[in-house]
Protein backbone atom coordinates (compact mmCIF):
# COMPACT_ATOMS: atom_id res chain seq x y z
CA MET A 1 52.93 -10.31 18.94
CA LYS A 2 53.78 -14.17 18.00
CA LYS A 3 50.08 -15.04 18.88
CA ILE A 4 49.07 -11.93 16.75
CA PHE A 5 50.96 -13.10 13.91
CA LEU A 6 49.71 -17.07 14.61
CA LEU A 7 45.88 -15.54 14.33
CA LYS A 8 46.97 -13.87 11.25
CA ASP A 9 48.22 -16.78 9.55
CA SER A 10 45.74 -18.95 10.48
CA ARG A 11 42.90 -16.33 8.86
CA GLU A 12 44.95 -15.75 5.65
CA LYS A 13 45.27 -19.99 5.51
CA ILE A 14 41.29 -20.16 5.75
CA PHE A 15 40.70 -17.54 2.72
CA HIS A 16 43.68 -19.32 0.71
CA ARG A 17 41.57 -22.55 1.14
CA ILE A 18 38.10 -20.76 0.20
CA ALA A 19 40.22 -19.46 -2.98
CA ALA A 20 41.64 -22.92 -3.63
CA PHE A 21 38.48 -24.83 -3.32
CA ALA A 22 36.74 -22.43 -5.74
CA CYS A 23 39.41 -22.71 -8.18
CA ARG A 24 39.34 -26.45 -8.12
CA ASN A 25 35.66 -26.79 -8.22
CA TYR A 26 34.65 -24.00 -10.42
CA ARG A 27 32.12 -26.46 -12.40
CA GLN A 28 30.30 -27.58 -9.39
CA VAL A 29 30.33 -23.76 -7.97
CA ILE A 30 29.03 -22.07 -11.00
CA GLY A 31 26.74 -25.36 -12.06
CA GLY A 32 25.70 -24.74 -8.33
CA ALA A 33 24.66 -21.71 -8.28
CA LEU A 34 22.74 -21.35 -11.67
CA ILE A 35 20.42 -24.28 -10.10
CA LEU A 36 19.82 -22.04 -7.18
CA ALA A 37 19.37 -19.16 -9.47
CA VAL A 38 16.84 -21.27 -10.99
CA LEU A 39 14.85 -22.26 -8.00
CA SER A 40 14.93 -18.90 -6.28
CA GLY A 41 13.33 -17.43 -9.66
CA PHE A 42 10.55 -19.85 -9.54
CA LEU A 43 9.80 -19.35 -5.85
CA ILE A 44 9.69 -15.57 -6.60
CA THR A 45 7.23 -15.97 -8.79
CA ARG A 46 4.84 -17.13 -6.14
CA LEU A 47 5.70 -14.07 -4.17
CA ASN A 48 2.90 -11.54 -3.82
CA LEU A 49 3.96 -7.40 -4.06
CA GLN A 50 1.13 -5.82 -2.10
CA SER A 51 0.91 -2.60 -0.10
CA ASP A 52 -1.11 -2.96 2.99
CA VAL A 53 -1.56 -0.06 5.36
CA LEU A 54 -0.76 -1.98 8.51
CA ASN A 55 2.83 -2.59 6.81
CA LEU A 56 3.44 1.11 7.64
CA LEU A 57 1.86 1.37 11.20
CA PRO A 58 4.03 0.18 14.41
CA SER A 59 2.29 -3.36 15.28
CA ASN A 60 2.55 -2.64 18.87
CA ALA A 61 0.99 0.90 18.97
CA PRO A 62 -2.43 0.71 20.70
CA ALA A 63 -3.97 2.53 17.59
CA THR A 64 -2.62 -0.04 15.76
CA GLY A 65 -4.06 -3.13 17.86
CA ALA A 66 -7.64 -1.18 17.87
CA PHE A 67 -7.20 -0.50 14.12
CA VAL A 68 -7.09 -4.50 13.59
CA THR A 69 -9.67 -5.54 15.98
CA PHE A 70 -11.85 -3.13 14.02
CA LEU A 71 -11.21 -5.06 11.02
CA LYS A 72 -11.55 -8.20 12.76
CA ASP A 73 -15.17 -7.36 14.13
CA PHE A 74 -16.54 -5.16 11.52
CA GLY A 75 -15.04 -6.25 8.05
CA SER A 76 -12.88 -4.34 5.68
CA ALA A 77 -12.95 -0.63 5.79
CA ASP A 78 -12.31 -0.32 2.27
CA SER A 79 -14.41 0.35 -0.59
CA LEU A 80 -15.32 0.60 -4.04
CA PHE A 81 -16.17 3.92 -5.45
CA ILE A 82 -17.47 4.12 -9.13
CA VAL A 83 -18.02 7.58 -10.35
CA LEU A 84 -19.62 8.46 -13.53
CA GLU A 85 -18.48 11.78 -14.96
CA ARG A 86 -19.39 13.65 -18.24
CA GLN A 87 -16.14 14.39 -20.47
CA SER A 88 -17.17 17.85 -21.21
CA GLY A 89 -17.86 18.71 -17.36
CA GLY A 90 -21.74 18.97 -17.84
CA GLU A 91 -24.24 17.93 -15.22
CA VAL A 92 -25.25 14.12 -14.96
CA GLU A 93 -28.52 13.84 -13.67
CA SER A 94 -29.81 11.90 -17.07
CA PHE A 95 -27.35 9.34 -15.83
CA GLY A 96 -29.67 7.82 -13.10
CA PRO A 97 -30.97 5.02 -15.43
CA PHE A 98 -27.68 3.55 -16.27
CA ALA A 99 -26.55 4.12 -12.79
CA GLU A 100 -29.76 2.11 -11.59
CA VAL A 101 -29.11 -0.71 -13.96
CA LEU A 102 -25.39 -0.69 -13.02
CA ALA A 103 -25.89 -1.05 -9.42
CA ARG A 104 -28.34 -3.94 -10.26
CA ARG A 105 -25.75 -5.63 -12.36
CA LEU A 106 -23.07 -5.26 -9.44
CA MET A 107 -25.08 -6.93 -7.18
CA GLY A 108 -26.02 -9.97 -9.40
CA THR A 109 -21.95 -10.30 -9.56
CA GLY A 110 -22.22 -11.68 -5.78
CA GLU A 111 -19.16 -9.91 -4.64
CA PHE A 112 -21.03 -6.98 -3.25
CA SER A 113 -22.88 -6.82 0.38
CA GLU A 114 -23.92 -3.45 -0.45
CA ILE A 115 -23.89 -0.32 -2.66
CA HIS A 116 -24.80 2.82 -1.08
CA GLY A 117 -28.52 3.09 -1.02
CA ARG A 118 -29.02 -0.51 -2.34
CA LEU A 119 -28.83 -3.73 -0.01
CA ASP A 120 -28.67 -6.89 -0.94
CA PRO A 121 -32.14 -8.29 -1.05
CA ALA A 122 -31.88 -10.97 1.57
CA ALA A 123 -30.47 -8.28 3.96
CA ARG A 124 -33.40 -5.53 2.87
CA GLU A 125 -35.82 -8.16 3.31
CA LYS A 126 -34.57 -9.04 6.71
CA ILE A 127 -34.79 -5.08 7.88
CA ALA A 128 -37.73 -4.86 6.46
CA GLU A 129 -38.93 -7.92 8.74
CA GLU A 130 -37.13 -6.64 12.11
CA PHE A 131 -36.70 -3.29 12.06
CA ILE A 132 -39.23 -1.30 10.58
CA PRO A 133 -42.30 -2.80 12.68
CA LYS A 134 -40.26 -1.47 15.68
CA ALA A 135 -38.90 1.79 13.92
CA LEU A 136 -40.73 4.29 16.44
CA LEU A 137 -38.31 2.62 19.17
CA TYR A 138 -35.41 4.11 17.68
CA LEU A 139 -36.51 7.79 17.32
CA SER A 140 -35.44 10.42 20.34
CA ALA A 141 -38.34 12.48 22.28
CA GLU A 142 -38.16 15.47 20.08
CA ASP A 143 -38.66 12.87 16.99
CA LEU A 144 -41.56 11.09 19.08
CA LYS A 145 -43.18 14.41 19.34
CA GLU A 146 -42.94 15.36 15.76
CA ILE A 147 -44.79 11.93 14.70
CA ALA A 148 -47.23 12.36 17.43
CA ALA A 149 -48.06 16.15 15.67
CA LYS A 150 -48.33 14.45 12.42
CA LEU A 151 -51.07 11.91 13.58
CA GLU A 152 -53.25 14.57 15.24
CA ASP A 153 -56.54 14.48 13.63
CA GLU A 154 -56.23 18.24 12.35
CA ALA A 155 -52.87 17.42 10.75
CA ILE A 156 -54.11 14.26 9.07
CA ARG A 157 -56.99 16.26 7.56
CA GLN A 158 -54.37 18.97 6.23
CA ARG A 159 -52.12 16.41 4.85
CA ILE A 160 -55.13 14.78 2.90
CA ARG A 161 -55.94 17.85 1.25
CA GLU A 162 -52.10 18.36 0.32
CA LEU A 163 -52.33 14.71 -1.14
CA LYS A 164 -55.52 15.60 -3.35
CA LYS A 165 -53.81 18.76 -4.55
CA ASN A 166 -50.25 16.74 -5.53
CA LEU A 167 -52.48 13.96 -7.02
CA HIS A 168 -54.18 16.66 -9.47
CA SER A 169 -50.94 18.25 -10.28
CA PRO A 170 -49.13 17.83 -13.78
CA LEU A 171 -46.16 15.63 -11.79
CA GLY A 172 -49.03 13.53 -9.74
CA ALA A 173 -48.32 10.72 -11.70
CA PHE A 174 -44.63 10.35 -11.10
CA THR A 175 -45.13 10.69 -7.19
CA THR A 176 -48.17 8.42 -6.82
CA GLN A 177 -46.24 5.31 -5.51
CA LEU A 178 -43.95 7.41 -3.08
CA MET A 179 -47.32 9.07 -1.80
CA ALA A 180 -49.04 5.69 -1.43
CA ALA A 181 -45.80 4.20 0.55
CA ASP A 182 -45.74 6.98 2.87
CA PRO A 183 -49.28 8.95 2.87
CA LEU A 184 -48.60 11.03 6.27
CA ASP A 185 -44.80 11.87 5.10
CA LEU A 186 -43.64 9.97 8.35
CA MET A 187 -40.20 9.75 6.31
CA SER A 188 -39.53 13.61 6.77
CA VAL A 189 -38.54 12.37 10.67
CA PHE A 190 -36.55 9.35 9.88
CA LYS A 191 -34.32 10.97 6.93
CA LYS A 192 -32.18 12.99 8.99
CA TYR A 193 -31.04 9.61 10.47
CA LEU A 194 -29.84 8.10 7.35
CA PRO A 195 -26.57 9.73 6.33
CA VAL A 196 -25.22 10.31 3.01
CA MET A 197 -22.47 12.15 1.25
CA GLY A 198 -23.32 14.77 -0.90
CA SER A 199 -27.00 14.72 -1.90
CA ALA A 200 -29.05 11.50 -3.32
CA ASP A 201 -31.64 11.12 -5.56
CA SER A 202 -34.68 8.86 -5.10
CA GLN A 203 -32.73 6.20 -5.87
CA GLY A 204 -30.15 6.48 -3.53
CA VAL A 205 -27.26 7.80 -6.22
CA LEU A 206 -25.37 10.47 -4.84
CA LEU A 207 -25.03 13.37 -6.60
CA SER A 208 -22.04 16.09 -5.95
CA PRO A 209 -23.61 19.93 -4.83
CA ASP A 210 -22.89 21.16 -8.58
CA ARG A 211 -24.69 17.92 -10.15
CA LYS A 212 -21.24 17.21 -12.20
CA MET A 213 -20.65 14.10 -10.73
CA MET A 214 -22.66 10.89 -9.62
CA LEU A 215 -20.94 8.39 -7.07
CA LEU A 216 -21.68 4.47 -6.59
CA ILE A 217 -20.24 3.26 -2.99
CA ALA A 218 -19.80 -0.44 -3.36
CA LYS A 219 -18.89 -2.84 -0.33
CA PRO A 220 -16.98 -5.91 -1.85
CA LYS A 221 -17.17 -8.85 0.43
CA GLY A 222 -13.28 -9.23 -0.16
CA SER A 223 -10.33 -7.77 1.19
CA ALA A 224 -8.56 -5.08 -0.30
CA PRO A 225 -5.18 -6.04 0.36
CA ASP A 226 -5.68 -9.48 -1.71
CA VAL A 227 -4.47 -8.57 -4.91
CA ALA A 228 -5.58 -11.68 -6.58
CA TYR A 229 -9.25 -10.57 -5.30
CA ASP A 230 -8.87 -7.29 -6.77
CA GLU A 231 -8.26 -8.62 -9.68
CA LEU A 232 -11.29 -10.89 -9.87
CA LEU A 233 -13.24 -8.03 -8.73
CA LEU A 234 -12.26 -5.29 -11.50
CA ALA A 235 -12.68 -7.95 -14.24
CA LYS A 236 -16.47 -8.58 -12.71
CA VAL A 237 -17.16 -4.51 -12.37
CA GLU A 238 -16.03 -4.02 -16.03
CA ALA A 239 -18.13 -7.20 -17.03
CA ALA A 240 -20.85 -5.13 -15.25
CA VAL A 241 -20.03 -2.06 -16.63
CA LYS A 242 -20.24 -3.45 -20.04
CA ALA A 243 -23.80 -5.36 -19.59
CA ALA A 244 -25.41 -2.03 -18.49
CA SER A 245 -24.00 -0.02 -21.08
CA GLU A 246 -25.94 -2.90 -23.70
CA GLU A 247 -28.78 -2.74 -21.64
CA ILE A 248 -28.96 0.82 -21.79
CA PRO A 249 -27.09 1.85 -24.92
CA LYS A 250 -24.74 5.13 -24.62
CA GLY A 251 -25.85 6.03 -28.65
CA GLY A 252 -28.10 8.98 -27.25
CA ALA A 253 -26.90 12.20 -26.55
CA ALA A 254 -27.65 11.68 -22.75
CA PHE A 255 -24.88 9.01 -23.02
CA ALA A 256 -22.93 10.27 -25.41
CA ASP A 257 -19.53 11.63 -23.17
CA LEU A 258 -20.13 9.47 -20.45
CA ARG A 259 -16.97 8.46 -18.42
CA ILE A 260 -16.27 5.78 -15.55
CA GLY A 261 -13.67 5.88 -13.11
CA LEU A 262 -12.71 3.67 -10.24
CA GLY A 263 -11.50 4.33 -6.82
CA GLY A 264 -10.65 3.44 -3.60
CA GLY A 265 -9.01 0.78 -1.29
CA TYR A 266 -9.09 -2.02 -3.95
CA VAL A 267 -8.25 -0.21 -7.00
CA THR A 268 -5.36 1.15 -5.43
CA ALA A 269 -3.99 -2.03 -3.45
CA LEU A 270 -4.11 -3.39 -7.33
CA GLU A 271 -2.22 -0.42 -8.79
CA ASP A 272 0.25 -0.95 -5.65
CA SER A 273 1.10 -4.37 -6.78
CA ARG A 274 1.50 -3.37 -10.27
CA ILE A 275 3.76 -0.24 -9.14
CA ILE A 276 5.95 -2.11 -6.74
CA LYS A 277 6.45 -4.73 -9.63
CA LYS A 278 7.30 -2.24 -12.14
CA GLU A 279 9.74 -0.19 -9.50
CA LEU A 280 11.22 -3.30 -8.25
CA ILE A 281 12.58 -4.26 -12.08
CA LEU A 282 13.05 -0.41 -13.08
CA ASN A 283 15.04 0.11 -9.70
CA PHE A 284 17.42 -2.98 -10.03
CA THR A 285 18.10 -2.47 -13.60
CA ALA A 286 19.05 1.27 -12.85
CA SER A 287 21.26 0.45 -10.14
CA LEU A 288 22.81 -2.64 -11.98
CA ILE A 289 23.55 -0.45 -14.70
CA GLY A 290 25.17 2.49 -12.75
CA VAL A 291 27.24 0.12 -10.68
CA LEU A 292 28.37 -1.88 -13.60
CA GLY A 293 29.07 1.49 -15.63
CA LEU A 294 31.48 2.32 -12.74
CA PHE A 295 32.93 -1.22 -12.98
CA ILE A 296 33.48 -0.62 -16.41
CA LEU A 297 35.36 2.81 -16.03
CA ALA A 298 37.80 1.40 -13.62
CA PHE A 299 38.59 -1.90 -15.30
CA GLY A 300 37.52 -1.48 -18.80
CA TRP A 301 34.97 -3.44 -21.22
CA SER A 302 36.17 -6.85 -21.23
CA ILE A 303 35.38 -10.39 -19.86
CA SER A 304 35.74 -8.83 -16.54
CA PHE A 305 32.49 -7.16 -16.61
CA PHE A 306 30.95 -10.64 -16.28
CA TYR A 307 32.75 -11.23 -13.06
CA ALA A 308 30.62 -8.59 -11.48
CA LEU A 309 27.58 -8.81 -13.28
CA ILE A 310 26.59 -12.75 -12.65
CA PRO A 311 27.42 -12.43 -8.57
CA LEU A 312 25.33 -9.08 -8.71
CA LEU A 313 22.46 -10.56 -10.51
CA VAL A 314 22.19 -13.90 -8.36
CA SER A 315 22.43 -12.14 -4.73
CA PRO A 316 18.97 -10.59 -4.78
CA LEU A 317 17.72 -13.63 -6.57
CA PHE A 318 18.91 -15.88 -3.80
CA THR A 319 17.76 -13.69 -1.31
CA LEU A 320 14.17 -13.10 -2.39
CA GLY A 321 13.97 -17.01 -2.68
CA LEU A 322 15.49 -17.72 0.45
CA PHE A 323 12.72 -15.59 2.33
CA SER A 324 9.91 -16.03 -0.28
CA PRO A 325 8.49 -19.08 1.47
CA PHE A 326 8.42 -17.59 4.66
CA LEU A 327 7.10 -14.04 4.10
CA GLY A 328 4.72 -14.78 1.17
CA ARG A 329 4.46 -11.29 -0.08
CA LEU A 330 6.54 -8.34 0.07
CA SER A 331 5.52 -4.81 0.88
CA GLU A 332 6.26 -1.45 -0.93
CA SER A 333 8.57 -0.49 1.84
CA ALA A 334 10.79 -3.23 1.19
CA GLY A 335 10.86 -3.38 -1.94
CA ALA A 336 14.17 -1.01 -2.57
CA PHE A 337 16.19 -3.54 -0.88
CA SER A 338 17.69 -4.83 -3.91
CA ALA A 339 19.17 -1.78 -5.05
CA ILE A 340 20.83 -1.50 -1.57
CA ILE A 341 22.20 -4.58 -2.03
CA LEU A 342 23.61 -3.74 -5.30
CA GLY A 343 25.40 -0.51 -4.23
CA LEU A 344 27.10 -2.35 -1.42
CA SER A 345 28.00 -5.89 -3.05
CA ILE A 346 29.81 -3.97 -6.05
CA ASP A 347 32.41 -3.06 -3.40
CA PHE A 348 33.45 -6.52 -2.48
CA ILE A 349 33.83 -7.61 -6.37
CA ILE A 350 35.84 -4.37 -6.88
CA LEU A 351 38.30 -5.01 -3.82
CA LEU A 352 38.82 -8.34 -4.66
CA TYR A 353 39.30 -7.99 -8.37
CA SER A 354 42.00 -5.00 -7.95
CA ARG A 355 44.30 -6.86 -5.60
CA TYR A 356 43.59 -9.81 -7.96
CA LEU A 357 45.00 -8.17 -11.07
CA GLU A 358 47.85 -6.33 -8.75
CA GLU A 359 48.99 -9.98 -8.07
CA ARG A 360 48.52 -10.79 -11.77
CA ASN A 361 50.62 -8.17 -12.99
CA ALA A 362 53.21 -9.00 -10.57
CA GLY A 363 53.39 -12.28 -12.17
CA GLN A 364 51.64 -14.62 -10.21
CA GLY A 365 49.26 -17.54 -11.87
CA VAL A 366 45.42 -17.49 -11.32
CA PRO A 367 45.30 -19.56 -8.26
CA GLU A 368 47.80 -17.88 -6.66
CA ALA A 369 46.50 -14.35 -7.40
CA LEU A 370 43.28 -15.58 -6.21
CA GLY A 371 44.20 -17.05 -3.17
CA THR A 372 46.58 -14.00 -2.20
CA SER A 373 43.71 -11.68 -3.11
CA LEU A 374 40.96 -13.68 -0.64
CA ALA A 375 44.11 -13.77 1.96
CA ASN A 376 44.93 -10.18 1.90
CA THR A 377 41.23 -8.14 1.53
CA GLY A 378 38.93 -11.25 2.59
CA LEU A 379 39.08 -10.18 6.00
CA GLY A 380 38.43 -6.78 5.03
CA VAL A 381 34.91 -7.61 3.12
CA LEU A 382 34.02 -9.76 5.52
CA THR A 383 34.27 -7.33 8.05
CA ALA A 384 32.66 -4.84 6.21
CA ALA A 385 29.88 -7.33 5.14
CA VAL A 386 29.15 -8.60 8.81
CA THR A 387 29.26 -4.49 10.23
CA THR A 388 26.80 -3.37 7.65
CA ALA A 389 24.31 -6.37 7.87
CA ALA A 390 24.18 -5.96 11.55
CA SER A 391 23.33 -2.43 11.21
CA TYR A 392 20.61 -3.12 9.04
CA TYR A 393 19.07 -6.19 11.33
CA ALA A 394 18.91 -3.78 13.93
CA LEU A 395 15.82 -3.01 11.81
CA LEU A 396 14.26 -5.98 13.09
CA LEU A 397 13.54 -3.95 16.61
CA SER A 398 11.25 -1.76 14.64
CA ASP A 399 7.96 -2.28 15.35
CA PHE A 400 6.77 -1.33 11.75
CA ARG A 401 6.56 -4.52 9.76
CA GLY A 402 7.68 -3.03 6.47
CA ILE A 403 11.05 -1.81 8.36
CA LYS A 404 11.46 -5.19 9.52
CA GLU A 405 11.37 -6.95 6.14
CA MET A 406 13.53 -4.44 4.93
CA GLY A 407 16.12 -4.98 7.73
CA LEU A 408 15.93 -8.79 7.03
CA LEU A 409 16.05 -9.04 3.52
CA THR A 410 19.01 -6.10 2.88
CA GLY A 411 20.91 -7.59 5.80
CA THR A 412 20.75 -11.47 4.57
CA GLY A 413 21.33 -9.75 1.10
CA ILE A 414 24.82 -8.78 1.82
CA LEU A 415 25.84 -11.85 3.42
CA ILE A 416 24.66 -13.51 0.59
CA SER A 417 26.75 -11.09 -1.53
CA MET A 418 30.04 -11.71 0.29
CA LEU A 419 29.52 -15.53 0.13
CA CYS A 420 28.68 -15.24 -3.71
CA SER A 421 32.19 -12.74 -4.06
CA PHE A 422 34.34 -15.51 -1.82
CA LEU A 423 32.69 -18.39 -3.82
CA LEU A 424 31.13 -17.70 -7.26
CA PHE A 425 33.81 -14.55 -8.01
CA PRO A 426 36.89 -16.87 -8.27
CA ALA A 427 35.26 -19.69 -9.53
CA LEU A 428 34.18 -17.59 -12.42
CA VAL A 429 37.94 -16.08 -12.75
CA ALA A 430 39.40 -19.87 -12.75
CA TRP A 431 37.07 -20.82 -15.17
CA ARG A 432 37.46 -18.09 -17.97
CA GLU A 433 41.07 -17.57 -17.49
CA ARG A 434 42.41 -20.83 -16.85
CA ARG A 435 41.59 -21.90 -20.25
CA PRO A 436 44.42 -23.09 -22.20
CA GLY A 437 46.13 -20.83 -24.85
CA LYS A 438 44.70 -17.52 -22.64
CA GLU A 439 46.99 -14.73 -23.16
CA LYS A 440 48.59 -13.42 -19.62
CA ARG A 441 48.68 -9.64 -20.19
CA ALA A 442 48.91 -7.27 -17.86
CA ARG A 443 45.63 -4.92 -16.83
CA PRO A 444 45.62 -1.73 -15.76
CA VAL A 445 43.99 -0.36 -12.76
CA TYR A 446 42.14 2.54 -12.90
CA ALA A 447 42.26 4.37 -9.43
CA PHE A 448 39.89 7.72 -10.70
CA GLY A 449 42.54 9.85 -9.28
CA LEU A 450 42.50 8.40 -5.66
CA GLU A 451 46.43 7.65 -5.97
CA VAL A 452 47.03 11.58 -6.09
CA LEU A 453 44.10 12.38 -3.68
CA GLY A 454 45.12 10.20 -0.97
CA PRO A 455 49.01 11.17 -0.53
CA LEU A 456 47.45 14.94 -0.68
CA ALA A 457 45.32 14.21 2.22
CA LEU A 458 48.01 12.55 4.42
CA ARG A 459 50.57 15.37 3.89
CA HIS A 460 47.92 17.91 5.28
CA PRO A 461 45.95 16.11 7.60
CA ALA A 462 44.71 19.25 9.39
CA TRP A 463 43.73 21.31 6.23
CA THR A 464 41.56 17.53 5.89
CA LEU A 465 40.05 17.42 9.11
CA LEU A 466 38.93 21.54 9.23
CA LEU A 467 37.41 20.93 5.77
CA SER A 468 35.42 17.99 6.85
CA VAL A 469 34.48 19.81 9.91
CA ALA A 470 33.21 22.80 7.94
CA VAL A 471 31.28 20.79 5.32
CA THR A 472 29.48 18.86 8.25
CA LEU A 473 28.62 22.32 10.33
CA GLY A 474 27.67 24.35 6.95
CA THR A 475 25.14 20.81 5.69
CA ALA A 476 23.97 20.59 9.77
CA GLY A 477 21.45 23.72 8.83
CA TRP A 478 19.91 21.87 6.18
CA ALA A 479 19.43 18.57 7.77
CA LEU A 480 17.80 20.34 11.21
CA GLN A 481 14.96 21.57 8.70
CA VAL A 482 14.39 17.87 7.32
CA LYS A 483 10.66 17.55 8.34
CA VAL A 484 9.18 13.80 8.52
CA ASN A 485 6.09 13.42 6.38
CA ASN A 486 3.75 10.43 7.63
CA ASP A 487 1.13 10.47 4.96
CA PRO A 488 0.84 7.12 3.27
CA LYS A 489 -0.08 8.80 0.14
CA LYS A 490 2.95 10.10 -0.70
CA LEU A 491 4.54 6.94 -0.79
CA ARG A 492 2.58 6.36 -3.80
CA PRO A 493 3.23 8.23 -7.37
CA ALA A 494 1.03 11.22 -7.74
CA SER A 495 0.50 10.10 -11.40
CA TYR A 496 -1.92 7.45 -10.22
CA PRO A 497 -4.99 7.41 -11.61
CA SER A 498 -7.19 6.47 -8.49
CA LEU A 499 -5.46 8.93 -6.15
CA ALA A 500 -6.13 11.67 -9.05
CA LEU A 501 -10.13 10.20 -8.91
CA GLU A 502 -10.21 10.31 -5.02
CA GLU A 503 -9.23 13.98 -5.04
CA ARG A 504 -11.88 14.62 -7.47
CA VAL A 505 -14.37 13.19 -5.58
CA GLN A 506 -13.36 14.89 -2.38
CA GLU A 507 -13.23 18.12 -3.69
CA LYS A 508 -16.94 17.33 -5.65
CA MET A 509 -18.38 15.82 -2.44
CA GLY A 510 -17.01 18.06 -0.02
CA GLU A 511 -15.49 16.03 2.02
CA GLY A 512 -12.30 13.41 2.39
CA GLN A 513 -12.00 9.58 2.26
CA ASP A 514 -9.99 9.25 5.15
CA MET A 515 -12.41 8.36 8.76
CA ILE A 516 -11.38 8.13 12.31
CA VAL A 517 -12.80 4.86 13.79
CA VAL A 518 -13.26 5.13 17.19
CA LEU A 519 -14.26 1.89 19.14
CA ALA A 520 -16.46 1.38 22.44
CA ARG A 521 -15.90 -1.27 24.55
CA SER A 522 -18.66 -2.03 27.61
CA ARG A 523 -19.54 -5.03 29.51
CA ASN A 524 -23.20 -5.20 28.09
CA PRO A 525 -25.37 -3.80 24.90
CA GLU A 526 -27.18 -1.32 27.22
CA GLU A 527 -23.84 0.23 28.23
CA ALA A 528 -22.44 0.41 24.83
CA LEU A 529 -25.33 2.15 23.43
CA GLU A 530 -24.91 4.90 25.90
CA LEU A 531 -21.19 4.50 24.89
CA GLN A 532 -22.02 5.43 21.61
CA GLY A 533 -25.13 8.32 23.09
CA ARG A 534 -21.86 10.05 24.51
CA LEU A 535 -19.92 9.98 21.57
CA LYS A 536 -22.26 11.05 18.76
CA ASN A 537 -22.87 14.33 21.49
CA ARG A 538 -19.09 14.77 21.44
CA ALA A 539 -18.85 14.52 17.57
CA GLU A 540 -21.70 16.79 17.14
CA GLU A 541 -20.23 19.55 19.46
CA ALA A 542 -16.80 19.38 17.83
CA ILE A 543 -18.41 20.12 14.51
CA ALA A 544 -20.21 22.45 16.30
CA SER A 545 -16.90 24.13 17.32
CA GLY A 546 -15.61 24.62 13.79
CA LEU A 547 -13.38 21.51 13.60
CA PRO A 548 -12.84 19.74 9.78
CA ILE A 549 -15.46 17.12 10.42
CA SER A 550 -17.88 16.63 7.87
CA ARG A 551 -19.92 13.94 8.99
CA HIS A 552 -20.12 11.50 11.27
CA GLU A 553 -21.84 8.02 11.78
CA SER A 554 -23.03 6.15 15.22
CA LEU A 555 -24.85 3.48 16.06
CA ALA A 556 -26.62 5.90 18.59
CA SER A 557 -27.93 7.53 15.12
CA PHE A 558 -29.72 4.46 14.67
CA ILE A 559 -30.75 3.11 18.18
CA PRO A 560 -31.04 5.66 20.53
CA PRO A 561 -29.41 4.96 24.12
CA LEU A 562 -32.44 4.03 26.72
CA SER A 563 -31.48 7.35 28.61
CA TRP A 564 -32.95 8.94 25.39
CA SER A 565 -36.14 7.09 25.59
CA VAL A 566 -39.50 8.74 26.07
CA PRO A 567 -41.16 7.68 29.84
CA VAL A 568 -44.06 5.50 29.49
CA THR A 569 -46.52 7.74 31.52
CA GLY A 570 -45.98 10.54 28.84
CA SER A 571 -47.85 11.15 25.35
CA GLU A 572 -50.53 8.85 26.35
CA ARG A 573 -52.56 9.49 23.00
CA PHE A 574 -49.25 8.95 20.97
CA PHE A 575 -48.75 5.02 22.23
CA ARG A 576 -52.29 4.05 22.11
CA LEU A 577 -51.97 5.00 18.34
């Protein structure tokens, strides 16, 4: 028993010394806190706020590893969607010339490697040089037979008659260039190997089946999670739209109600960054107002308001400033940590200040009241802070990067709030209440009726436990009905303009924007092609069985496996040609 009392006395002495240090050196403590707050504010300005789907995936999961491999080997999976519509909802085929000019302007920015139906000139030249002379080698046996049939003497004579008839038609002048480029209509065989979404006009612009939406799909060279790049990219896109509008003025009736929308991963990432900043400020402000409102109800509107305000303000600031050089960016799942810190940290201030007021009302001076307050409640505050921080630090075991960040920031923020309660709070009280001529009047402590509820629960413990069990069992049924929603889109506000646009694109084009990536590993290129061929067949079987797959793209669609090739001994007339 004597050892227990000695241990208790030593703990109380430690908290007394902390309070005495804060009271004696309140200028240094407050000044140091202000300097750290300014430094933390500077470091926070260098912190990027962004949303990346990888933060929402378990880092050790095989699917996540495969996705990272895909991004590393094949580049970003995101695209930029440029949508052309009429505000009146009418057909948009007349926007074709504007879309052509806009695509050319976009490629001229140097930020795009490809726009659907349009390649970079250097890439187009390389394809023409390397692949077109060998195009027949990429066809299946059935396609080769179709090509051979088109090269029969009688088929060629029939095609000549058709061309002559078409040239003498009223539309012949508009098709001359196409007929000269493909007089034998061989492109009709290759066309099915060029997958498109919706339908495409002669310029490669995508049109919805109802002809009321025109779509350009652009492939930027940068990464979507790079918010700085996103801002630069969209600025160049806006400049390209303006230049295209000046080149083809929208004053005519055909362009009177043109509406241009942007969507895709790059726009979503930029919107995420902006909304995270907005939500951080809004959540922090709302939480701060809420907890300070309760503090005012308990202690009244007085200078004591600032005893809670300043520690609550600097605690999240110190936390972000501490980790910003190491994190570099803050994900959307970790953005709510400041509101959690405020809700938990106000308890420390309330406990310490309530006990301080009791000692002051009992006649103690400021240093003595602060020392007694920390000595009697400090251990409870310390225990609460450590146990709560430990529960959040347990999130570091998670495989989700965003969850890890939230656990690290929240756990550390709680400990920093505890230190502010032990040092900054006594320093503020000492600075204010030790001033000469300060009136030492008694302050009532409002307990919200707990002085009645507490003894009532102690007088009727059985009924209290029974009521608690009944409430728990009554709400257990609702708890079992809670379902987990793993759709990342649900983390974003429904009012996102880009999400609404993507849903409209999905509705108009008849397919979703989500995709499944299948990676095939092999020992050599020939084996890789065989794997791609089998995957292509399986995908076609899945579509035929009724699975909701709109389309699929595979290397086997362009380069058929060797097992699909035609033997040299067959089609001798064709190979001579």
